PDB file of N, CA and C in Angstrom:
ATOM      1  N   UNK A   1       0.844  -1.168   0.000  1.00  0.00           N
ATOM      2  CA  UNK A   1       0.000   0.000   0.000  1.00  0.00           C
ATOM      3  C   UNK A   1       0.898   1.242   0.000  1.00  0.00           C
ATOM      4  N   UNK A   2       0.555   2.165  -0.819  1.00  0.00           N
ATOM      5  CA  UNK A   2       1.305   3.416  -0.894  1.00  0.00           C
ATOM      6  C   UNK A   2       1.010   4.286   0.320  1.00  0.00           C
ATOM      7  N   UNK A   3       1.969   5.104   0.699  1.00  0.00           N
ATOM      8  CA  UNK A   3       1.803   5.988   1.858  1.00  0.00           C
ATOM      9  C   UNK A   3       0.619   6.929   1.667  1.00  0.00           C
ATOM     10  N   UNK A   4       0.439   7.432   0.456  1.00  0.00           N
ATOM     11  CA  UNK A   4      -0.675   8.345   0.178  1.00  0.00           C
ATOM     12  C   UNK A   4      -2.019   7.641   0.362  1.00  0.00           C
ATOM     13  N   UNK A   5      -2.081   6.364   0.010  1.00  0.00           N
ATOM     14  CA  UNK A   5      -3.316   5.588   0.187  1.00  0.00           C
ATOM     15  C   UNK A   5      -3.633   5.437   1.668  1.00  0.00           C
ATOM     16  N   UNK A   6      -2.635   5.110   2.470  1.00  0.00           N
ATOM     17  CA  UNK A   6      -2.834   4.964   3.915  1.00  0.00           C
ATOM     18  C   UNK A   6      -3.279   6.291   4.525  1.00  0.00           C
ATOM     19  N   UNK A   7      -2.642   7.382   4.127  1.00  0.00           N
ATOM     20  CA  UNK A   7      -3.039   8.702   4.633  1.00  0.00           C
ATOM     21  C   UNK A   7      -4.492   8.993   4.289  1.00  0.00           C
ATOM     22  N   UNK A   8      -4.885   8.686   3.065  1.00  0.00           N
ATOM     23  CA  UNK A   8      -6.265   8.932   2.638  1.00  0.00           C
ATOM     24  C   UNK A   8      -7.270   8.118   3.426  1.00  0.00           C
ATOM     25  N   UNK A   9      -6.963   6.856   3.674  1.00  0.00           N
ATOM     26  CA  UNK A   9      -7.860   5.985   4.445  1.00  0.00           C
ATOM     27  C   UNK A   9      -8.026   6.525   5.860  1.00  0.00           C
ATOM     28  N   UNK A  10      -6.922   6.882   6.494  1.00  0.00           N
ATOM     29  CA  UNK A  10      -6.974   7.377   7.872  1.00  0.00           C
ATOM     30  C   UNK A  10      -7.715   8.711   7.941  1.00  0.00           C
ATOM     31  N   UNK A  11      -7.495   9.561   6.971  1.00  0.00           N
ATOM     32  CA  UNK A  11      -8.210  10.839   6.946  1.00  0.00           C
ATOM     33  C   UNK A  11      -9.712  10.627   6.789  1.00  0.00           C
ATOM     34  N   UNK A  12     -10.113   9.725   5.879  1.00  0.00           N
ATOM     35  CA  UNK A  12     -11.539   9.445   5.676  1.00  0.00           C
ATOM     36  C   UNK A  12     -12.183   8.851   6.921  1.00  0.00           C
ATOM     37  N   UNK A  13     -11.472   7.971   7.608  1.00  0.00           N
ATOM     38  CA  UNK A  13     -12.016   7.367   8.829  1.00  0.00           C
ATOM     39  C   UNK A  13     -12.235   8.441   9.891  1.00  0.00           C
ATOM     40  N   UNK A  14     -11.310   9.392   9.985  1.00  0.00           N
ATOM     41  CA  UNK A  14     -11.476  10.494  10.934  1.00  0.00           C
ATOM     42  C   UNK A  14     -12.714  11.316  10.622  1.00  0.00           C
ATOM     43  N   UNK A  15     -12.962  11.561   9.354  1.00  0.00           N
ATOM     44  CA  UNK A  15     -14.158  12.308   8.934  1.00  0.00           C
ATOM     45  C   UNK A  15     -15.410  11.507   9.254  1.00  0.00           C
ATOM     46  N   UNK A  16     -15.408  10.217   8.925  1.00  0.00           N
ATOM     47  CA  UNK A  16     -16.559   9.356   9.194  1.00  0.00           C
ATOM     48  C   UNK A  16     -16.847   9.251  10.693  1.00  0.00           C
ATOM     49  N   UNK A  17     -15.805   9.333  11.504  1.00  0.00           N
ATOM     50  CA  UNK A  17     -15.968   9.259  12.956  1.00  0.00           C
ATOM     51  C   UNK A  17     -16.476  10.582  13.533  1.00  0.00           C
ATOM     52  N   UNK A  18     -16.525  11.607  12.697  1.00  0.00           N
ATOM     53  CA  UNK A  18     -17.025  12.899  13.144  1.00  0.00           C
ATOM     54  C   UNK A  18     -16.028  13.690  13.980  1.00  0.00           C
ATOM     55  N   UNK A  19     -14.750  13.397  13.818  1.00  0.00           N
ATOM     56  CA  UNK A  19     -13.731  14.123  14.571  1.00  0.00           C
ATOM     57  C   UNK A  19     -13.611  15.545  14.041  1.00  0.00           C
ATOM     58  N   UNK A  20     -13.415  16.492  14.939  1.00  0.00           N
ATOM     59  CA  UNK A  20     -13.357  17.899  14.539  1.00  0.00           C
ATOM     60  C   UNK A  20     -11.973  18.324  14.061  1.00  0.00           C
ATOM     61  N   UNK A  21     -11.016  17.422  14.121  1.00  0.00           N
ATOM     62  CA  UNK A  21      -9.667  17.749  13.680  1.00  0.00           C
ATOM     63  C   UNK A  21      -9.272  16.845  12.528  1.00  0.00           C
ATOM     64  N   UNK A  22      -8.284  17.284  11.780  1.00  0.00           N
ATOM     65  CA  UNK A  22      -7.791  16.506  10.658  1.00  0.00           C
ATOM     66  C   UNK A  22      -6.912  15.366  11.176  1.00  0.00           C
ATOM     67  N   UNK A  23      -7.246  14.144  10.823  1.00  0.00           N
ATOM     68  CA  UNK A  23      -6.528  12.973  11.313  1.00  0.00           C
ATOM     69  C   UNK A  23      -5.458  12.562  10.313  1.00  0.00           C
ATOM     70  N   UNK A  24      -4.272  12.238  10.831  1.00  0.00           N
ATOM     71  CA  UNK A  24      -3.181  11.802   9.966  1.00  0.00           C
ATOM     72  C   UNK A  24      -2.476  10.605  10.606  1.00  0.00           C
ATOM     73  N   UNK A  25      -1.723   9.829   9.827  1.00  0.00           N
ATOM     74  CA  UNK A  25      -1.095   8.603  10.325  1.00  0.00           C
ATOM     75  C   UNK A  25      -0.177   8.797  11.532  1.00  0.00           C
ATOM     76  N   UNK A  26       0.487   9.931  11.605  1.00  0.00           N
ATOM     77  CA  UNK A  26       1.412  10.149  12.723  1.00  0.00           C
ATOM     78  C   UNK A  26       0.678  10.175  14.064  1.00  0.00           C
ATOM     79  N   UNK A  27      -0.614  10.469  14.024  1.00  0.00           N
ATOM     80  CA  UNK A  27      -1.412  10.456  15.254  1.00  0.00           C
ATOM     81  C   UNK A  27      -1.458   9.052  15.863  1.00  0.00           C
ATOM     82  N   UNK A  28      -1.389   8.034  15.030  1.00  0.00           N
ATOM     83  CA  UNK A  28      -1.362   6.660  15.532  1.00  0.00           C
ATOM     84  C   UNK A  28      -0.079   6.422  16.319  1.00  0.00           C
ATOM     85  N   UNK A  29       1.004   6.981  15.853  1.00  0.00           N
ATOM     86  CA  UNK A  29       2.287   6.863  16.557  1.00  0.00           C
ATOM     87  C   UNK A  29       2.213   7.555  17.915  1.00  0.00           C
ATOM     88  N   UNK A  30       1.629   8.760  17.939  1.00  0.00           N
ATOM     89  CA  UNK A  30       1.464   9.477  19.197  1.00  0.00           C
ATOM     90  C   UNK A  30       0.561   8.693  20.151  1.00  0.00           C
ATOM     91  N   UNK A  31      -0.513   8.165  19.627  1.00  0.00           N
ATOM     92  CA  UNK A  31      -1.431   7.386  20.468  1.00  0.00           C
ATOM     93  C   UNK A  31      -0.721   6.193  21.081  1.00  0.00           C
ATOM     94  N   UNK A  32       0.130   5.556  20.317  1.00  0.00           N
ATOM     95  CA  UNK A  32       0.907   4.421  20.808  1.00  0.00           C
ATOM     96  C   UNK A  32       1.823   4.865  21.947  1.00  0.00           C
ATOM     97  N   UNK A  33       2.518   5.970  21.774  1.00  0.00           N
ATOM     98  CA  UNK A  33       3.415   6.478  22.812  1.00  0.00           C
ATOM     99  C   UNK A  33       2.683   6.815  24.095  1.00  0.00           C
ATOM    100  N   UNK A  34       1.544   7.503  23.970  1.00  0.00           N
ATOM    101  CA  UNK A  34       0.760   7.851  25.156  1.00  0.00           C
ATOM    102  C   UNK A  34       0.199   6.603  25.838  1.00  0.00           C
ATOM    103  N   UNK A  35      -0.233   5.633  25.043  1.00  0.00           N
ATOM    104  CA  UNK A  35      -0.764   4.398  25.611  1.00  0.00           C
ATOM    105  C   UNK A  35       0.308   3.653  26.399  1.00  0.00           C
ATOM    106  N   UNK A  36       1.481   3.488  25.814  1.00  0.00           N
ATOM    107  CA  UNK A  36       2.559   2.770  26.498  1.00  0.00           C
ATOM    108  C   UNK A  36       2.962   3.492  27.784  1.00  0.00           C
ATOM    109  N   UNK A  37       3.017   4.827  27.747  1.00  0.00           N
ATOM    110  CA  UNK A  37       3.365   5.594  28.946  1.00  0.00           C
ATOM    111  C   UNK A  37       2.296   5.433  30.018  1.00  0.00           C
ATOM    112  N   UNK A  38       1.033   5.461  29.615  1.00  0.00           N
ATOM    113  CA  UNK A  38      -0.045   5.332  30.597  1.00  0.00           C
ATOM    114  C   UNK A  38      -0.090   3.939  31.218  1.00  0.00           C
ATOM    115  N   UNK A  39       0.471   2.959  30.521  1.00  0.00           N
ATOM    116  CA  UNK A  39       0.533   1.595  31.048  1.00  0.00           C
ATOM    117  C   UNK A  39       1.768   1.389  31.932  1.00  0.00           C
ATOM    118  N   UNK A  40       2.567   2.439  32.100  1.00  0.00           N
ATOM    119  CA  UNK A  40       3.703   2.387  33.001  1.00  0.00           C
ATOM    120  C   UNK A  40       4.993   1.856  32.406  1.00  0.00           C
ATOM    121  N   UNK A  41       5.069   1.779  31.094  1.00  0.00           N
ATOM    122  CA  UNK A  41       6.295   1.284  30.469  1.00  0.00           C
ATOM    123  C   UNK A  41       7.428   2.291  30.640  1.00  0.00           C
ATOM    124  N   UNK A  42       8.622   1.782  30.744  1.00  0.00           N
ATOM    125  CA  UNK A  42       9.820   2.584  30.926  1.00  0.00           C
ATOM    126  C   UNK A  42      10.036   3.518  29.734  1.00  0.00           C
ATOM    127  N   UNK A  43      10.439   4.749  30.028  1.00  0.00           N
ATOM    128  CA  UNK A  43      10.639   5.753  28.983  1.00  0.00           C
ATOM    129  C   UNK A  43      11.672   5.298  27.958  1.00  0.00           C
ATOM    130  N   UNK A  44      12.745   4.683  28.413  1.00  0.00           N
ATOM    131  CA  UNK A  44      13.778   4.212  27.478  1.00  0.00           C
ATOM    132  C   UNK A  44      13.245   3.085  26.592  1.00  0.00           C
ATOM    133  N   UNK A  45      12.392   2.244  27.136  1.00  0.00           N
ATOM    134  CA  UNK A  45      11.804   1.168  26.339  1.00  0.00           C
ATOM    135  C   UNK A  45      10.878   1.754  25.268  1.00  0.00           C
ATOM    136  N   UNK A  46      10.112   2.768  25.642  1.00  0.00           N
ATOM    137  CA  UNK A  46       9.225   3.435  24.680  1.00  0.00           C
ATOM    138  C   UNK A  46      10.069   4.106  23.598  1.00  0.00           C
ATOM    139  N   UNK A  47      11.164   4.731  24.005  1.00  0.00           N
ATOM    140  CA  UNK A  47      12.066   5.376  23.054  1.00  0.00           C
ATOM    141  C   UNK A  47      12.548   4.371  22.013  1.00  0.00           C
ATOM    142  N   UNK A  48      12.989   3.223  22.473  1.00  0.00           N
ATOM    143  CA  UNK A  48      13.487   2.193  21.553  1.00  0.00           C
ATOM    144  C   UNK A  48      12.372   1.675  20.656  1.00  0.00           C
ATOM    145  N   UNK A  49      11.198   1.453  21.232  1.00  0.00           N
ATOM    146  CA  UNK A  49      10.070   0.907  20.469  1.00  0.00           C
ATOM    147  C   UNK A  49       9.643   1.871  19.354  1.00  0.00           C
ATOM    148  N   UNK A  50       9.603   3.166  19.679  1.00  0.00           N
ATOM    149  CA  UNK A  50       9.176   4.153  18.687  1.00  0.00           C
ATOM    150  C   UNK A  50      10.300   4.579  17.747  1.00  0.00           C
ATOM    151  N   UNK A  51      11.536   4.190  18.074  1.00  0.00           N
ATOM    152  CA  UNK A  51      12.664   4.514  17.220  1.00  0.00           C
ATOM    153  C   UNK A  51      13.152   5.941  17.339  1.00  0.00           C
ATOM    154  N   UNK A  52      12.919   6.553  18.497  1.00  0.00           N
ATOM    155  CA  UNK A  52      13.390   7.922  18.707  1.00  0.00           C
ATOM    156  C   UNK A  52      14.889   7.921  18.987  1.00  0.00           C
ATOM    157  N   UNK A  53      15.611   8.775  18.323  1.00  0.00           N
ATOM    158  CA  UNK A  53      17.053   8.891  18.569  1.00  0.00           C
ATOM    159  C   UNK A  53      17.329   9.690  19.832  1.00  0.00           C
ATOM    160  N   UNK A  54      16.492  10.679  20.097  1.00  0.00           N
ATOM    161  CA  UNK A  54      16.699  11.557  21.251  1.00  0.00           C
ATOM    162  C   UNK A  54      15.568  11.366  22.252  1.00  0.00           C
ATOM    163  N   UNK A  55      15.930  11.247  23.525  1.00  0.00           N
ATOM    164  CA  UNK A  55      14.963  10.957  24.579  1.00  0.00           C
ATOM    165  C   UNK A  55      13.917  12.062  24.733  1.00  0.00           C
ATOM    166  N   UNK A  56      14.265  13.314  24.402  1.00  0.00           N
ATOM    167  CA  UNK A  56      13.291  14.394  24.572  1.00  0.00           C
ATOM    168  C   UNK A  56      12.070  14.226  23.668  1.00  0.00           C
ATOM    169  N   UNK A  57      12.202  13.459  22.603  1.00  0.00           N
ATOM    170  CA  UNK A  57      11.049  13.191  21.744  1.00  0.00           C
ATOM    171  C   UNK A  57      10.107  12.185  22.403  1.00  0.00           C
ATOM    172  N   UNK A  58      10.628  11.388  23.299  1.00  0.00           N
ATOM    173  CA  UNK A  58       9.840  10.372  23.989  1.00  0.00           C
ATOM    174  C   UNK A  58       9.269  10.907  25.297  1.00  0.00           C
ATOM    175  N   UNK A  59       9.991  11.784  25.953  1.00  0.00           N
ATOM    176  CA  UNK A  59       9.588  12.299  27.259  1.00  0.00           C
ATOM    177  C   UNK A  59       8.211  12.953  27.205  1.00  0.00           C
ATOM    178  N   UNK A  60       7.847  13.506  26.080  1.00  0.00           N
ATOM    179  CA  UNK A  60       6.536  14.167  25.966  1.00  0.00           C
ATOM    180  C   UNK A  60       5.398  13.215  26.324  1.00  0.00           C
ATOM    181  N   UNK A  61       5.548  11.947  26.055  1.00  0.00           N
ATOM    182  CA  UNK A  61       4.490  10.989  26.357  1.00  0.00           C
ATOM    183  C   UNK A  61       4.407  10.703  27.852  1.00  0.00           C
ATOM    184  N   UNK A  62       5.544  10.604  28.519  1.00  0.00           N
ATOM    185  CA  UNK A  62       5.532  10.299  29.947  1.00  0.00           C
ATOM    186  C   UNK A  62       5.176  11.532  30.771  1.00  0.00           C
ATOM    187  N   UNK A  63       5.519  12.721  30.312  1.00  0.00           N
ATOM    188  CA  UNK A  63       5.172  13.936  31.042  1.00  0.00           C
ATOM    189  C   UNK A  63       3.669  14.138  31.098  1.00  0.00           C
ATOM    190  N   UNK A  64       2.975  13.753  30.065  1.00  0.00           N
ATOM    191  CA  UNK A  64       1.543  13.994  29.979  1.00  0.00           C
ATOM    192  C   UNK A  64       0.691  12.820  30.451  1.00  0.00           C
ATOM    193  N   UNK A  65       1.319  11.771  30.905  1.00  0.00           N
ATOM    194  CA  UNK A  65       0.573  10.598  31.345  1.00  0.00           C
ATOM    195  C   UNK A  65      -0.066  10.862  32.704  1.00  0.00           C
ATOM    196  N   UNK A  66      -1.403  10.869  32.796  1.00  0.00           N
ATOM    197  CA  UNK A  66      -2.063  11.197  34.059  1.00  0.00           C
ATOM    198  C   UNK A  66      -1.860  10.148  35.147  1.00  0.00           C
ATOM    199  N   UNK A  67      -1.521   8.936  34.787  1.00  0.00           N
ATOM    200  CA  UNK A  67      -1.370   7.860  35.765  1.00  0.00           C
ATOM    201  C   UNK A  67       0.089   7.625  36.162  1.00  0.00           C
ATOM    202  N   UNK A  68       0.965   8.499  35.720  1.00  0.00           N
ATOM    203  CA  UNK A  68       2.400   8.286  35.909  1.00  0.00           C
ATOM    204  C   UNK A  68       2.791   8.073  37.368  1.00  0.00           C
ATOM    205  N   UNK A  69       2.186   8.826  38.282  1.00  0.00           N
ATOM    206  CA  UNK A  69       2.572   8.749  39.690  1.00  0.00           C
ATOM    207  C   UNK A  69       1.523   8.033  40.543  1.00  0.00           C
ATOM    208  N   UNK A  70       0.561   7.436  39.913  1.00  0.00           N
ATOM    209  CA  UNK A  70      -0.581   6.863  40.614  1.00  0.00           C
ATOM    210  C   UNK A  70      -0.208   5.866  41.715  1.00  0.00           C
ATOM    211  N   UNK A  71       0.767   5.022  41.485  1.00  0.00           N
ATOM    212  CA  UNK A  71       1.085   3.991  42.461  1.00  0.00           C
ATOM    213  C   UNK A  71       2.466   4.179  43.092  1.00  0.00           C
ATOM    214  N   UNK A  72       2.928   5.427  43.175  1.00  0.00           N
ATOM    215  CA  UNK A  72       4.222   5.668  43.813  1.00  0.00           C
ATOM    216  C   UNK A  72       4.169   5.301  45.290  1.00  0.00           C
ATOM    217  N   UNK A  73       3.092   5.669  45.965  1.00  0.00           N
ATOM    218  CA  UNK A  73       2.972   5.422  47.396  1.00  0.00           C
ATOM    219  C   UNK A  73       1.749   4.563  47.643  1.00  0.00           C
ATOM    220  N   UNK A  74       1.966   3.370  48.090  1.00  0.00           N
ATOM    221  CA  UNK A  74       0.860   2.430  48.311  1.00  0.00           C
ATOM    222  C   UNK A  74       0.498   2.297  49.789  1.00  0.00           C
ATOM    223  N   UNK A  75       1.226   2.960  50.690  1.00  0.00           N
ATOM    224  CA  UNK A  75       0.930   2.821  52.119  1.00  0.00           C
ATOM    225  C   UNK A  75       0.122   3.950  52.685  1.00  0.00           C
TER     226      UNK A  75
END
């Protein structure tokens, strides 16, 4: 499948879903990063999985994860 075809499919699905923003394939990558961070995966592991060369590109997902500190103190 050509990249343009994939972009078109994802854009059409966003429209059909009634989303108010323009949907593009890179959003799937962001969603993956946020999901892994919210599940408590290590930042370096997420960096490797997403193929980021620099950690600051990965840190954005862990900084915004609302559950990041949820289980720091269990007592």
